[in-house]
């Protein structure tokens, strides 16, 4: 074992003792970032090239600063995104939400699907959809000026930037000033804030202390923004269009009921993630 792998083993123990959920992965990812190699190449770093700044990075992670804030990058499906303070770090569970949306779009007999990503944050969802559904046109809406700046950076760096329209605004009032878009969208997708205000103390330090509160909390039951998104989706979707919204695993029995039949919705259902937890709801706009 070379010096770097020995240090990684020690860092793994430190991160595990600090309560970091994935200590081995994070220790390796920090080592790869500091030394400018892939995780699979750590064994090839000569002992003389060991960079002591690795331990500075480990200390920051030990204090529960998000891994992605330290490295400045987040991986999401096939994307590498720039992230940092002021923007929500995309999570792996959201990849299942996007996967469902991509399948739904591919099943539609639409040449150029029109999509809106509400609460876009870093732009992860909008960029993944534009990348994986090549003829789609994607609108992305973000309220926070800080997060908007991160999304702008990521979209501008993308080869699909020309098909993504980024707007600064309130997701729960999206495109009220553009009536020509009402009833035009094929898909509305969102990873909104959904944590109840009463659960602040139970949120992981990485999110509670570093993600913007605007991206985390939404009213006493956590569902205020989702209720607003239901109203926006009802206005924007064409008949037969679909909405998909991420939520907490404890809200699985609640969110589908927001998309009521009497409000013009059909096929409201919950879906489970790869860990078999209810994590997102979908519904279809009724065809009259």
Protein backbone atom coordinates (compact mmCIF):
# COMPACT_ATOMS: atom_id res chain seq x y z
CA UNK A 1 0.00 0.00 0.00
CA UNK A 2 1.38 3.40 -0.96
CA UNK A 3 1.45 6.41 1.35
CA UNK A 4 -1.71 7.97 -0.05
CA UNK A 5 -3.80 4.84 0.48
CA UNK A 6 -2.47 4.60 4.04
CA UNK A 7 -3.56 8.19 4.66
CA UNK A 8 -6.95 7.47 3.06
CA UNK A 9 -7.45 4.58 5.50
CA UNK A 10 -6.69 6.87 8.43
CA UNK A 11 -8.98 9.57 7.03
CA UNK A 12 -11.78 7.01 6.67
CA UNK A 13 -11.55 6.23 10.39
CA UNK A 14 -11.64 9.93 11.29
CA UNK A 15 -14.67 10.61 9.09
CA UNK A 16 -16.50 7.56 10.41
CA UNK A 17 -15.90 8.73 13.99
CA UNK A 18 -17.32 12.14 13.03
CA UNK A 19 -20.55 10.51 11.80
CA UNK A 20 -19.99 11.10 8.09
CA UNK A 21 -22.44 8.75 6.30
CA UNK A 22 -20.01 7.53 3.60
CA UNK A 23 -16.54 7.84 5.15
CA UNK A 24 -14.58 5.63 2.74
CA UNK A 25 -16.06 7.18 -0.38
CA UNK A 26 -15.53 10.72 0.92
CA UNK A 27 -11.93 10.02 2.00
CA UNK A 28 -11.15 8.64 -1.45
CA UNK A 29 -12.98 11.42 -3.31
CA UNK A 30 -11.08 14.09 -1.37
CA UNK A 31 -7.78 12.33 -2.08
CA UNK A 32 -8.60 12.13 -5.78
CA UNK A 33 -9.61 15.79 -5.89
CA UNK A 34 -6.50 17.05 -4.07
CA UNK A 35 -4.14 14.95 -6.19
CA UNK A 36 -5.90 15.48 -9.52
CA UNK A 37 -6.60 11.82 -10.29
CA UNK A 38 -9.59 9.49 -10.40
CA UNK A 39 -10.49 7.42 -7.35
CA UNK A 40 -9.41 4.30 -9.22
CA UNK A 41 -5.93 5.82 -9.69
CA UNK A 42 -5.11 6.59 -6.06
CA UNK A 43 -2.74 3.62 -5.89
CA UNK A 44 -0.65 5.15 -8.68
CA UNK A 45 0.21 8.38 -6.84
CA UNK A 46 3.92 8.25 -5.87
CA UNK A 47 4.70 8.68 -2.19
CA UNK A 48 6.74 11.77 -3.01
CA UNK A 49 3.68 13.40 -4.58
CA UNK A 50 1.52 13.17 -1.45
CA UNK A 51 -0.09 16.57 -0.86
CA UNK A 52 -0.52 17.51 2.80
CA UNK A 53 -3.47 19.71 1.84
CA UNK A 54 -5.40 16.45 1.88
CA UNK A 55 -5.63 16.66 5.65
CA UNK A 56 -7.01 20.19 5.46
CA UNK A 57 -9.79 18.86 3.22
CA UNK A 58 -10.41 15.92 5.55
CA UNK A 59 -10.71 18.27 8.52
CA UNK A 60 -13.34 20.31 6.70
CA UNK A 61 -15.32 17.16 5.92
CA UNK A 62 -14.86 15.98 9.50
CA UNK A 63 -16.61 19.20 10.57
CA UNK A 64 -19.50 18.09 8.32
CA UNK A 65 -18.92 20.61 5.58
CA UNK A 66 -20.46 19.01 2.47
CA UNK A 67 -18.04 17.06 0.32
CA UNK A 68 -19.32 18.93 -2.73
CA UNK A 69 -18.59 22.33 -1.17
CA UNK A 70 -14.99 21.28 -0.56
CA UNK A 71 -14.40 19.95 -4.07
CA UNK A 72 -16.70 22.46 -5.78
CA UNK A 73 -18.35 19.74 -7.84
CA UNK A 74 -21.33 17.43 -7.69
CA UNK A 75 -22.09 14.44 -9.88
CA UNK A 76 -25.67 13.89 -11.05
CA UNK A 77 -26.56 11.16 -13.54
CA UNK A 78 -24.13 11.89 -16.44
CA UNK A 79 -23.33 15.43 -15.34
CA UNK A 80 -20.58 17.12 -13.37
CA UNK A 81 -21.93 20.34 -11.85
CA UNK A 82 -20.37 23.30 -10.12
CA UNK A 83 -21.80 23.84 -6.63
CA UNK A 84 -20.96 25.72 -3.47
CA UNK A 85 -22.43 27.92 -0.73
CA UNK A 86 -25.83 29.31 -1.65
CA UNK A 87 -27.14 26.39 -3.71
CA UNK A 88 -28.73 23.07 -2.79
CA UNK A 89 -26.39 20.14 -3.49
CA UNK A 90 -28.20 17.62 -5.73
CA UNK A 91 -28.75 14.22 -4.08
CA UNK A 92 -28.63 10.73 -5.62
CA UNK A 93 -32.29 10.07 -4.78
CA UNK A 94 -33.35 12.80 -7.21
CA UNK A 95 -31.82 10.76 -10.03
CA UNK A 96 -34.76 8.34 -9.75
CA UNK A 97 -37.18 11.25 -10.17
CA UNK A 98 -35.40 12.36 -13.33
CA UNK A 99 -35.27 8.79 -14.63
CA UNK A 100 -39.06 8.52 -14.35
CA UNK A 101 -39.48 11.86 -16.12
CA UNK A 102 -37.18 10.86 -18.98
CA UNK A 103 -39.10 7.63 -19.50
CA UNK A 104 -42.39 9.55 -19.48
CA UNK A 105 -41.11 12.02 -22.09
CA UNK A 106 -39.82 9.24 -24.32
CA UNK A 107 -43.21 7.53 -24.15
CA UNK A 108 -44.94 10.69 -25.41
CA UNK A 109 -45.54 11.07 -29.11
CA UNK A 110 -44.09 14.60 -29.07
CA UNK A 111 -41.30 15.69 -31.40
CA UNK A 112 -39.95 18.47 -29.14
CA UNK A 113 -41.22 18.03 -25.56
CA UNK A 114 -41.70 21.23 -23.57
CA UNK A 115 -40.58 20.91 -19.95
CA UNK A 116 -40.36 23.15 -16.91
CA UNK A 117 -38.13 22.48 -13.89
CA UNK A 118 -39.42 24.41 -10.88
CA UNK A 119 -36.95 25.17 -8.04
CA UNK A 120 -34.05 24.31 -10.33
CA UNK A 121 -31.25 25.08 -7.83
CA UNK A 122 -27.97 24.12 -9.49
CA UNK A 123 -29.81 23.32 -12.71
CA UNK A 124 -29.21 19.58 -12.25
CA UNK A 125 -32.67 18.40 -13.31
CA UNK A 126 -33.00 20.80 -16.24
CA UNK A 127 -29.56 19.89 -17.55
CA UNK A 128 -30.13 16.14 -17.19
CA UNK A 129 -33.40 16.36 -19.10
CA UNK A 130 -31.87 18.48 -21.86
CA UNK A 131 -28.97 16.07 -22.15
CA UNK A 132 -30.94 12.83 -22.14
CA UNK A 133 -33.97 13.98 -24.14
CA UNK A 134 -32.09 15.64 -27.01
CA UNK A 135 -35.03 17.40 -28.71
CA UNK A 136 -36.59 18.72 -25.52
CA UNK A 137 -36.93 22.40 -24.69
CA UNK A 138 -36.51 23.11 -21.00
CA UNK A 139 -37.52 26.08 -18.89
CA UNK A 140 -35.93 26.33 -15.42
CA UNK A 141 -37.17 28.58 -12.61
CA UNK A 142 -35.27 29.54 -9.45
CA UNK A 143 -36.14 32.10 -6.76
CA UNK A 144 -32.79 32.47 -4.97
CA UNK A 145 -30.35 34.86 -6.64
CA UNK A 146 -27.41 32.87 -5.26
CA UNK A 147 -28.71 29.56 -6.58
CA UNK A 148 -29.65 31.24 -9.87
CA UNK A 149 -26.02 32.26 -10.31
CA UNK A 150 -24.87 28.65 -9.86
CA UNK A 151 -27.50 27.42 -12.33
CA UNK A 152 -26.44 30.09 -14.82
CA UNK A 153 -22.84 28.93 -14.52
CA UNK A 154 -23.74 25.27 -15.07
CA UNK A 155 -26.09 25.93 -17.96
CA UNK A 156 -23.62 28.24 -19.71
CA UNK A 157 -21.01 25.46 -19.52
CA UNK A 158 -23.36 22.92 -21.09
CA UNK A 159 -23.50 22.01 -24.78
CA UNK A 160 -27.29 21.98 -24.36
CA UNK A 161 -27.50 25.58 -23.11
CA UNK A 162 -29.39 26.78 -26.20
CA UNK A 163 -32.37 24.58 -25.28
CA UNK A 164 -32.59 25.72 -21.64
CA UNK A 165 -34.29 28.96 -20.64
CA UNK A 166 -33.40 29.98 -17.07
CA UNK A 167 -35.73 32.36 -15.25
CA UNK A 168 -35.37 34.10 -11.88
CA UNK A 169 -38.70 33.90 -10.10
CA UNK A 170 -41.09 32.20 -7.69
CA UNK A 171 -41.82 28.61 -8.72
CA UNK A 172 -45.31 28.81 -7.23
CA UNK A 173 -46.16 31.69 -9.59
CA UNK A 174 -44.16 30.63 -12.61
CA UNK A 175 -45.04 32.24 -15.94
CA UNK A 176 -48.08 34.13 -14.66
CA UNK A 177 -46.92 36.94 -16.92
CA UNK A 178 -46.72 34.66 -19.97
CA UNK A 179 -50.25 33.44 -20.70
CA UNK A 180 -49.14 32.06 -24.06
CA UNK A 181 -47.38 29.23 -22.14
CA UNK A 182 -50.51 28.12 -20.27
CA UNK A 183 -51.56 24.63 -21.29
CA UNK A 184 -48.43 24.13 -23.42
CA UNK A 185 -46.09 22.01 -21.29
CA UNK A 186 -45.70 18.26 -21.56
CA UNK A 187 -43.94 17.85 -18.20
CA UNK A 188 -43.61 19.78 -14.95
CA UNK A 189 -40.88 18.50 -12.64
CA UNK A 190 -39.64 19.73 -9.28
CA UNK A 191 -37.44 18.89 -6.34
CA UNK A 192 -38.97 21.54 -4.06
CA UNK A 193 -38.34 22.31 -0.40
CA UNK A 194 -40.39 19.80 1.62
CA UNK A 195 -39.01 19.60 5.17
CA UNK A 196 -41.46 20.66 7.90
CA UNK A 197 -40.22 23.59 9.98
CA UNK A 198 -40.75 21.46 13.09
CA UNK A 199 -38.07 18.98 11.97
CA UNK A 200 -35.16 21.43 11.76
CA UNK A 201 -33.16 19.75 14.50
CA UNK A 202 -33.34 16.34 12.81
CA UNK A 203 -31.84 17.48 9.51
CA UNK A 204 -28.28 16.26 8.74
CA UNK A 205 -25.63 18.92 9.49
CA UNK A 206 -24.49 18.99 5.86
CA UNK A 207 -27.95 20.19 4.80
CA UNK A 208 -29.05 22.12 7.88
CA UNK A 209 -25.86 24.16 8.22
CA UNK A 210 -24.88 24.56 4.56
CA UNK A 211 -27.81 24.18 2.16
CA UNK A 212 -29.95 27.34 1.85
CA UNK A 213 -33.06 27.24 4.07
CA UNK A 214 -35.14 28.31 1.08
CA UNK A 215 -34.34 24.95 -0.54
CA UNK A 216 -35.16 22.88 2.55
CA UNK A 217 -38.15 24.07 4.55
CA UNK A 218 -41.73 24.69 3.45
CA UNK A 219 -44.30 25.40 6.14
CA UNK A 220 -45.46 23.48 9.18
CA UNK A 221 -46.07 20.22 7.30
CA UNK A 222 -43.46 20.73 4.58
CA UNK A 223 -46.03 20.73 1.79
CA UNK A 224 -46.65 24.43 1.16
CA UNK A 225 -44.46 24.63 -1.95
CA UNK A 226 -45.82 21.38 -3.35
CA UNK A 227 -49.35 22.78 -3.05
CA UNK A 228 -48.20 25.82 -5.00
CA UNK A 229 -46.57 23.62 -7.64
CA UNK A 230 -49.84 21.73 -8.06
CA UNK A 231 -51.58 24.98 -8.95
CA UNK A 232 -48.83 26.01 -11.37
CA UNK A 233 -48.76 22.57 -13.01
CA UNK A 234 -52.54 22.66 -13.45
CA UNK A 235 -52.16 25.93 -15.34
CA UNK A 236 -49.11 25.03 -17.43
CA UNK A 237 -49.71 21.43 -18.47
CA UNK A 238 -51.55 20.44 -21.62
CA UNK A 239 -54.24 17.74 -21.31
CA UNK A 240 -52.38 14.46 -20.86
CA UNK A 241 -49.24 16.19 -19.59
CA UNK A 242 -47.60 14.92 -16.42
CA UNK A 243 -46.16 16.32 -13.23
CA UNK A 244 -43.51 14.69 -11.04
CA UNK A 245 -42.57 16.06 -7.62
CA UNK A 246 -40.01 14.79 -5.12
CA UNK A 247 -40.97 14.60 -1.44
CA UNK A 248 -39.76 13.18 1.86
CA UNK A 249 -40.21 9.45 2.44
CA UNK A 250 -42.52 10.27 5.36
CA UNK A 251 -44.88 12.17 3.01
CA UNK A 252 -45.66 9.27 0.71
CA UNK A 253 -49.25 8.97 1.84
CA UNK A 254 -49.92 12.69 1.59
CA UNK A 255 -48.58 14.15 -1.65
CA UNK A 256 -50.71 12.20 -4.18
CA UNK A 257 -53.82 13.55 -2.45
CA UNK A 258 -52.77 17.08 -3.37
CA UNK A 259 -53.37 16.17 -7.03
CA UNK A 260 -57.12 15.62 -6.69
CA UNK A 261 -59.47 14.37 -9.40
CA UNK A 262 -61.84 17.27 -8.79
CA UNK A 263 -58.96 19.61 -9.63
CA UNK A 264 -58.49 17.93 -13.00
CA UNK A 265 -55.89 15.28 -12.20
CA UNK A 266 -55.82 11.55 -12.94
CA UNK A 267 -53.45 8.68 -12.16
CA UNK A 268 -51.99 10.32 -9.04
CA UNK A 269 -49.52 7.87 -7.55
CA UNK A 270 -46.45 7.54 -5.37
CA UNK A 271 -43.18 5.93 -6.45
CA UNK A 272 -40.32 4.34 -4.51
CA UNK A 273 -36.62 5.03 -4.86
CA UNK A 274 -33.82 2.47 -5.08
CA UNK A 275 -34.00 2.01 -1.30
CA UNK A 276 -37.72 1.13 -1.59
CA UNK A 277 -38.82 4.34 0.13
CA UNK A 278 -41.68 6.49 -1.24
CA UNK A 279 -39.85 9.51 -2.63
CA UNK A 280 -41.82 11.13 -5.45
CA UNK A 281 -45.37 11.55 -6.67
CA UNK A 282 -46.72 11.82 -10.20
CA UNK A 283 -50.05 12.77 -11.76
CA UNK A 284 -51.50 13.33 -15.21
CA UNK A 285 -53.56 16.28 -16.38
CA UNK A 286 -57.01 15.00 -17.30
CA UNK A 287 -58.00 14.85 -20.96
CA UNK A 288 -61.40 16.46 -21.24
